[in-house]
N, C-alpha and C. Protein backbone atom coordinates (compact mmCIF):
# COMPACT_ATOMS: atom_id res chain seq x y z
N MET A 1 0.85 -1.17 0.00
CA MET A 1 0.00 0.00 0.00
C MET A 1 0.89 1.22 0.00
N ARG A 2 0.33 2.30 -0.51
CA ARG A 2 1.06 3.57 -0.50
C ARG A 2 0.18 4.60 0.18
N VAL A 3 0.75 5.31 1.15
CA VAL A 3 0.06 6.40 1.83
C VAL A 3 0.95 7.61 1.74
N GLY A 4 0.48 8.61 1.00
CA GLY A 4 1.22 9.86 0.87
C GLY A 4 2.60 9.69 0.27
N GLY A 5 2.82 8.74 -0.59
CA GLY A 5 4.13 8.54 -1.20
C GLY A 5 5.01 7.54 -0.49
N GLN A 6 4.63 7.11 0.70
CA GLN A 6 5.40 6.10 1.43
C GLN A 6 4.80 4.73 1.14
N GLU A 7 5.61 3.81 0.60
CA GLU A 7 5.13 2.47 0.31
C GLU A 7 5.32 1.57 1.52
N LEU A 8 4.29 0.78 1.80
CA LEU A 8 4.29 -0.11 2.95
C LEU A 8 3.92 -1.51 2.48
N LEU A 9 4.61 -2.51 2.98
CA LEU A 9 4.25 -3.90 2.70
C LEU A 9 3.60 -4.44 3.97
N LEU A 10 2.29 -4.65 3.91
CA LEU A 10 1.55 -5.09 5.09
C LEU A 10 1.49 -6.61 5.14
N THR A 11 1.48 -7.13 6.36
CA THR A 11 1.31 -8.56 6.56
C THR A 11 0.00 -8.78 7.30
N GLN A 12 -0.40 -10.03 7.41
CA GLN A 12 -1.67 -10.37 8.03
C GLN A 12 -1.84 -9.69 9.38
N GLY A 13 -3.00 -9.05 9.56
CA GLY A 13 -3.32 -8.42 10.83
C GLY A 13 -2.88 -6.97 10.96
N GLN A 14 -2.02 -6.50 10.05
CA GLN A 14 -1.57 -5.12 10.14
C GLN A 14 -2.65 -4.18 9.62
N LYS A 15 -2.63 -2.94 10.15
CA LYS A 15 -3.59 -1.93 9.74
C LYS A 15 -2.83 -0.66 9.39
N VAL A 16 -3.43 0.11 8.52
CA VAL A 16 -2.86 1.41 8.18
C VAL A 16 -4.03 2.35 7.88
N VAL A 17 -3.84 3.62 8.14
CA VAL A 17 -4.87 4.63 7.90
C VAL A 17 -4.38 5.59 6.83
N GLY A 18 -5.22 5.83 5.85
CA GLY A 18 -4.97 6.87 4.85
C GLY A 18 -5.75 8.09 5.26
N PRO A 19 -5.13 9.08 5.90
CA PRO A 19 -5.87 10.24 6.40
C PRO A 19 -6.55 11.02 5.27
N PRO A 20 -7.64 11.71 5.58
CA PRO A 20 -8.31 12.53 4.56
C PRO A 20 -7.34 13.51 3.91
N GLY A 21 -7.45 13.64 2.61
CA GLY A 21 -6.62 14.58 1.88
C GLY A 21 -5.24 14.05 1.51
N ILE A 22 -4.89 12.87 1.98
CA ILE A 22 -3.58 12.27 1.68
C ILE A 22 -3.81 11.16 0.65
N PRO A 23 -3.16 11.25 -0.51
CA PRO A 23 -3.34 10.18 -1.51
C PRO A 23 -2.92 8.83 -0.96
N HIS A 24 -3.71 7.80 -1.27
CA HIS A 24 -3.37 6.45 -0.84
C HIS A 24 -3.88 5.46 -1.89
N ALA A 25 -3.22 4.32 -1.95
CA ALA A 25 -3.58 3.29 -2.92
C ALA A 25 -3.17 1.94 -2.36
N TRP A 26 -3.83 0.90 -2.83
CA TRP A 26 -3.46 -0.45 -2.42
C TRP A 26 -3.51 -1.36 -3.62
N TRP A 27 -2.70 -2.42 -3.56
CA TRP A 27 -2.62 -3.41 -4.64
C TRP A 27 -1.97 -4.66 -4.09
N ASN A 28 -2.07 -5.73 -4.85
CA ASN A 28 -1.44 -6.99 -4.47
C ASN A 28 -0.09 -7.08 -5.20
N PRO A 29 1.02 -7.07 -4.47
CA PRO A 29 2.33 -7.13 -5.12
C PRO A 29 2.70 -8.53 -5.61
N SER A 30 1.89 -9.53 -5.27
CA SER A 30 2.21 -10.92 -5.63
C SER A 30 1.33 -11.39 -6.77
N GLU A 31 1.93 -12.11 -7.70
CA GLU A 31 1.15 -12.74 -8.76
C GLU A 31 0.76 -14.17 -8.38
N GLU A 32 1.33 -14.69 -7.30
CA GLU A 32 1.06 -16.06 -6.88
C GLU A 32 0.06 -16.14 -5.73
N GLU A 33 0.04 -15.16 -4.85
CA GLU A 33 -0.80 -15.23 -3.66
C GLU A 33 -2.02 -14.31 -3.79
N GLU A 34 -3.15 -14.82 -3.29
CA GLU A 34 -4.36 -14.01 -3.24
C GLU A 34 -4.32 -13.15 -1.99
N VAL A 35 -4.78 -11.92 -2.11
CA VAL A 35 -4.82 -11.00 -0.98
C VAL A 35 -6.26 -10.59 -0.74
N ARG A 36 -6.66 -10.61 0.52
CA ARG A 36 -7.97 -10.11 0.93
C ARG A 36 -7.73 -9.06 1.98
N PHE A 37 -8.50 -7.98 1.88
CA PHE A 37 -8.34 -6.92 2.88
C PHE A 37 -9.68 -6.25 3.12
N VAL A 38 -9.77 -5.58 4.24
CA VAL A 38 -10.97 -4.82 4.59
C VAL A 38 -10.60 -3.35 4.51
N SER A 39 -11.47 -2.61 3.86
CA SER A 39 -11.26 -1.18 3.74
C SER A 39 -12.48 -0.45 4.26
N GLU A 40 -12.28 0.59 5.02
CA GLU A 40 -13.37 1.43 5.51
C GLU A 40 -13.18 2.83 4.94
N ILE A 41 -14.27 3.43 4.56
CA ILE A 41 -14.23 4.78 4.02
C ILE A 41 -15.18 5.63 4.86
N HIS A 42 -14.65 6.68 5.48
CA HIS A 42 -15.44 7.56 6.35
C HIS A 42 -15.28 9.00 5.92
N PRO A 43 -16.31 9.77 5.70
CA PRO A 43 -17.67 9.29 5.55
C PRO A 43 -17.80 8.57 4.21
N GLY A 44 -18.65 7.58 4.14
CA GLY A 44 -18.70 6.74 2.96
C GLY A 44 -19.94 6.86 2.12
N LEU A 45 -20.85 7.79 2.45
CA LEU A 45 -22.11 7.84 1.73
C LEU A 45 -21.93 8.08 0.24
N GLU A 46 -21.03 8.98 -0.17
CA GLU A 46 -20.83 9.24 -1.59
C GLU A 46 -20.32 7.99 -2.31
N VAL A 47 -19.42 7.28 -1.67
CA VAL A 47 -18.86 6.06 -2.28
C VAL A 47 -19.94 4.99 -2.36
N GLU A 48 -20.71 4.82 -1.30
CA GLU A 48 -21.79 3.83 -1.30
C GLU A 48 -22.81 4.15 -2.40
N THR A 49 -23.20 5.40 -2.50
CA THR A 49 -24.17 5.81 -3.52
C THR A 49 -23.61 5.59 -4.91
N PHE A 50 -22.32 5.85 -5.11
CA PHE A 50 -21.69 5.61 -6.40
C PHE A 50 -21.82 4.14 -6.80
N PHE A 51 -21.50 3.24 -5.87
CA PHE A 51 -21.57 1.81 -6.18
C PHE A 51 -23.02 1.35 -6.37
N GLU A 52 -23.95 1.90 -5.59
CA GLU A 52 -25.36 1.57 -5.81
C GLU A 52 -25.79 1.97 -7.21
N THR A 53 -25.36 3.15 -7.65
CA THR A 53 -25.70 3.63 -8.99
C THR A 53 -25.09 2.73 -10.05
N LEU A 54 -23.82 2.42 -9.91
CA LEU A 54 -23.14 1.57 -10.88
C LEU A 54 -23.79 0.18 -10.96
N LEU A 55 -24.10 -0.40 -9.81
CA LEU A 55 -24.74 -1.71 -9.81
C LEU A 55 -26.16 -1.64 -10.38
N GLY A 56 -26.87 -0.57 -10.09
CA GLY A 56 -28.20 -0.39 -10.65
C GLY A 56 -28.16 -0.27 -12.16
N LEU A 57 -27.22 0.50 -12.67
CA LEU A 57 -27.06 0.63 -14.13
C LEU A 57 -26.73 -0.74 -14.75
N ALA A 58 -25.89 -1.51 -14.08
CA ALA A 58 -25.53 -2.83 -14.59
C ALA A 58 -26.75 -3.75 -14.62
N ARG A 59 -27.53 -3.74 -13.53
CA ARG A 59 -28.75 -4.57 -13.50
C ARG A 59 -29.71 -4.20 -14.62
N ASP A 60 -29.75 -2.92 -14.96
CA ASP A 60 -30.64 -2.45 -16.02
C ASP A 60 -30.04 -2.62 -17.42
N GLY A 61 -28.87 -3.27 -17.51
CA GLY A 61 -28.24 -3.52 -18.81
C GLY A 61 -27.62 -2.29 -19.44
N LYS A 62 -27.28 -1.30 -18.62
CA LYS A 62 -26.74 -0.05 -19.15
C LYS A 62 -25.22 0.05 -19.02
N THR A 63 -24.57 -1.10 -18.79
CA THR A 63 -23.11 -1.11 -18.70
C THR A 63 -22.55 -2.21 -19.57
N ILE A 64 -21.27 -2.09 -19.85
CA ILE A 64 -20.48 -3.17 -20.45
C ILE A 64 -19.48 -3.54 -19.36
N GLY A 65 -19.72 -4.66 -18.71
CA GLY A 65 -18.94 -4.96 -17.51
C GLY A 65 -19.28 -3.90 -16.48
N PRO A 66 -18.28 -3.27 -15.87
CA PRO A 66 -18.58 -2.23 -14.88
C PRO A 66 -18.64 -0.81 -15.48
N ILE A 67 -18.54 -0.68 -16.80
CA ILE A 67 -18.45 0.63 -17.44
C ILE A 67 -19.78 1.01 -18.08
N PRO A 68 -20.34 2.18 -17.73
CA PRO A 68 -21.58 2.61 -18.38
C PRO A 68 -21.43 2.67 -19.90
N ARG A 69 -22.46 2.20 -20.61
CA ARG A 69 -22.45 2.20 -22.08
C ARG A 69 -22.46 3.62 -22.64
N ASN A 70 -23.21 4.50 -22.00
CA ASN A 70 -23.36 5.86 -22.50
C ASN A 70 -22.18 6.71 -22.03
N PRO A 71 -21.44 7.33 -22.96
CA PRO A 71 -20.27 8.12 -22.55
C PRO A 71 -20.63 9.31 -21.67
N LEU A 72 -21.81 9.87 -21.83
CA LEU A 72 -22.20 10.99 -20.97
C LEU A 72 -22.47 10.52 -19.55
N GLN A 73 -23.10 9.35 -19.40
CA GLN A 73 -23.30 8.78 -18.07
C GLN A 73 -21.95 8.47 -17.43
N LEU A 74 -21.04 7.91 -18.21
CA LEU A 74 -19.69 7.62 -17.72
C LEU A 74 -19.00 8.89 -17.25
N ALA A 75 -19.12 9.96 -18.03
CA ALA A 75 -18.48 11.23 -17.67
C ALA A 75 -19.05 11.79 -16.38
N VAL A 76 -20.37 11.70 -16.20
CA VAL A 76 -20.99 12.21 -14.97
C VAL A 76 -20.48 11.42 -13.76
N LEU A 77 -20.41 10.10 -13.89
CA LEU A 77 -19.90 9.29 -12.78
C LEU A 77 -18.42 9.55 -12.51
N ALA A 78 -17.63 9.68 -13.57
CA ALA A 78 -16.20 9.96 -13.39
C ALA A 78 -15.99 11.33 -12.73
N ASP A 79 -16.81 12.31 -13.11
CA ASP A 79 -16.71 13.64 -12.51
C ASP A 79 -17.09 13.58 -11.03
N GLU A 80 -18.07 12.74 -10.69
CA GLU A 80 -18.45 12.55 -9.29
C GLU A 80 -17.29 11.97 -8.50
N ILE A 81 -16.65 10.94 -9.04
CA ILE A 81 -15.50 10.34 -8.36
C ILE A 81 -14.40 11.39 -8.15
N ALA A 82 -14.15 12.19 -9.18
CA ALA A 82 -13.10 13.21 -9.09
C ALA A 82 -13.40 14.24 -8.00
N SER A 83 -14.68 14.41 -7.66
CA SER A 83 -15.04 15.40 -6.64
C SER A 83 -14.65 14.94 -5.24
N TRP A 84 -14.48 13.63 -5.01
CA TRP A 84 -14.10 13.19 -3.68
C TRP A 84 -12.78 12.46 -3.62
N LEU A 85 -12.08 12.38 -4.72
CA LEU A 85 -10.72 11.82 -4.70
C LEU A 85 -9.70 12.94 -4.56
N VAL A 86 -8.58 12.61 -3.98
CA VAL A 86 -7.47 13.55 -3.93
C VAL A 86 -6.65 13.32 -5.19
N LEU A 87 -6.62 14.33 -6.05
CA LEU A 87 -5.95 14.19 -7.34
C LEU A 87 -4.74 15.11 -7.43
N ARG A 88 -3.73 14.62 -8.14
CA ARG A 88 -2.56 15.46 -8.43
C ARG A 88 -2.91 16.39 -9.58
N SER A 89 -2.12 17.41 -9.79
CA SER A 89 -2.39 18.40 -10.84
C SER A 89 -2.51 17.76 -12.21
N VAL A 90 -1.63 16.82 -12.53
CA VAL A 90 -1.66 16.18 -13.84
C VAL A 90 -2.95 15.37 -14.01
N GLU A 91 -3.42 14.73 -12.95
CA GLU A 91 -4.67 13.98 -13.02
C GLU A 91 -5.85 14.92 -13.24
N LYS A 92 -5.83 16.06 -12.57
CA LYS A 92 -6.89 17.05 -12.76
C LYS A 92 -6.91 17.54 -14.20
N MET A 93 -5.72 17.72 -14.78
CA MET A 93 -5.63 18.19 -16.17
C MET A 93 -6.27 17.17 -17.12
N PHE A 94 -6.01 15.88 -16.89
CA PHE A 94 -6.58 14.86 -17.76
C PHE A 94 -8.10 14.73 -17.58
N LEU A 95 -8.60 15.12 -16.41
CA LEU A 95 -10.03 15.02 -16.16
C LEU A 95 -10.81 16.26 -16.62
N ALA A 96 -10.14 17.31 -17.07
CA ALA A 96 -10.84 18.52 -17.52
C ALA A 96 -11.83 18.22 -18.65
N PRO A 97 -11.46 17.46 -19.68
CA PRO A 97 -12.46 17.15 -20.72
C PRO A 97 -13.63 16.32 -20.17
N VAL A 98 -13.37 15.49 -19.18
CA VAL A 98 -14.44 14.70 -18.57
C VAL A 98 -15.44 15.63 -17.88
N ALA A 99 -14.93 16.65 -17.21
CA ALA A 99 -15.82 17.61 -16.54
C ALA A 99 -16.71 18.32 -17.55
N ALA A 100 -16.16 18.65 -18.72
CA ALA A 100 -16.96 19.30 -19.76
C ALA A 100 -18.05 18.35 -20.27
N LEU A 101 -17.69 17.09 -20.51
CA LEU A 101 -18.69 16.10 -20.93
C LEU A 101 -19.74 15.88 -19.84
N ALA A 102 -19.31 15.87 -18.59
CA ALA A 102 -20.24 15.69 -17.48
C ALA A 102 -21.23 16.84 -17.41
N PHE A 103 -20.77 18.04 -17.69
CA PHE A 103 -21.66 19.20 -17.70
C PHE A 103 -22.77 19.00 -18.73
N VAL A 104 -22.39 18.57 -19.92
CA VAL A 104 -23.37 18.29 -20.98
C VAL A 104 -24.28 17.15 -20.56
N GLY A 105 -23.70 16.10 -19.99
CA GLY A 105 -24.50 14.97 -19.54
C GLY A 105 -25.55 15.37 -18.52
N ARG A 106 -25.15 16.22 -17.56
CA ARG A 106 -26.11 16.67 -16.55
C ARG A 106 -27.22 17.51 -17.18
N LEU A 107 -26.87 18.34 -18.16
CA LEU A 107 -27.89 19.11 -18.87
C LEU A 107 -28.91 18.20 -19.55
N LEU A 108 -28.45 17.03 -19.99
CA LEU A 108 -29.32 16.08 -20.68
C LEU A 108 -29.99 15.08 -19.73
N GLY A 109 -29.79 15.27 -18.42
CA GLY A 109 -30.51 14.47 -17.44
C GLY A 109 -29.76 13.31 -16.81
N TYR A 110 -28.49 13.12 -17.16
CA TYR A 110 -27.72 12.06 -16.52
C TYR A 110 -27.30 12.52 -15.13
N ARG A 111 -27.27 11.59 -14.19
CA ARG A 111 -26.96 11.92 -12.80
C ARG A 111 -25.91 10.97 -12.25
N ALA A 112 -25.30 11.37 -11.13
CA ALA A 112 -24.35 10.50 -10.43
C ALA A 112 -25.09 9.55 -9.49
N SER A 113 -26.35 9.84 -9.21
CA SER A 113 -27.18 8.94 -8.40
C SER A 113 -28.62 9.09 -8.87
N TYR A 114 -29.37 8.01 -8.68
CA TYR A 114 -30.77 7.98 -9.09
C TYR A 114 -31.61 7.44 -7.95
N LEU A 115 -32.77 8.01 -7.76
CA LEU A 115 -33.68 7.60 -6.71
C LEU A 115 -33.97 6.10 -6.77
N LYS A 116 -34.11 5.55 -7.97
CA LYS A 116 -34.46 4.13 -8.10
C LYS A 116 -33.34 3.19 -7.64
N TYR A 117 -32.11 3.69 -7.58
CA TYR A 117 -30.98 2.86 -7.15
C TYR A 117 -30.58 3.12 -5.70
N SER A 118 -30.68 4.36 -5.24
CA SER A 118 -30.16 4.71 -3.92
C SER A 118 -31.16 5.34 -2.98
N GLY A 119 -32.33 5.67 -3.46
CA GLY A 119 -33.29 6.35 -2.62
C GLY A 119 -32.93 7.82 -2.49
N PRO A 120 -33.72 8.56 -1.71
CA PRO A 120 -33.46 10.00 -1.58
C PRO A 120 -32.11 10.28 -0.91
N LYS A 121 -31.33 11.12 -1.53
CA LYS A 121 -30.03 11.54 -1.00
C LYS A 121 -29.15 10.36 -0.61
N GLY A 122 -29.21 9.28 -1.38
CA GLY A 122 -28.33 8.14 -1.15
C GLY A 122 -28.57 7.43 0.15
N THR A 123 -29.84 7.29 0.54
CA THR A 123 -30.12 6.63 1.83
C THR A 123 -30.07 5.13 1.72
N GLY A 124 -30.01 4.59 0.49
CA GLY A 124 -30.01 3.15 0.32
C GLY A 124 -31.41 2.57 0.29
N THR A 125 -32.43 3.40 0.48
CA THR A 125 -33.81 2.90 0.42
C THR A 125 -34.43 3.34 -0.90
N THR A 126 -35.10 2.43 -1.54
CA THR A 126 -35.73 2.75 -2.82
C THR A 126 -37.24 2.71 -2.73
N GLY A 127 -37.80 2.46 -1.51
CA GLY A 127 -39.21 2.34 -1.24
C GLY A 127 -40.05 3.20 -2.03
């Protein structure tokens, strides 16, 4: 895992915290061993709502694998992710065209969350 540029090799039972605003990433450095880990995101409502939306779109046949079929829907979701990720300047530069597409997508009615998938304000209830 990497937290703020420092790479760490964790073993079973070890924990690490990626503080808010500090870039962090995790991956499996082994091609032979399977790795399982638990991750908590606080506050996590935006992330939970994102996954509810993505899974709802998939159930409705609006994705190819995990990727939305419609490029405007994809741009709106990518722009949503960019709003809560800590990005470096170069990453922000590459996402500028995505933000423009997301603007158009929102004008045409695409959203980062939908009542039918997440309920009001991402409550997880669709009642």
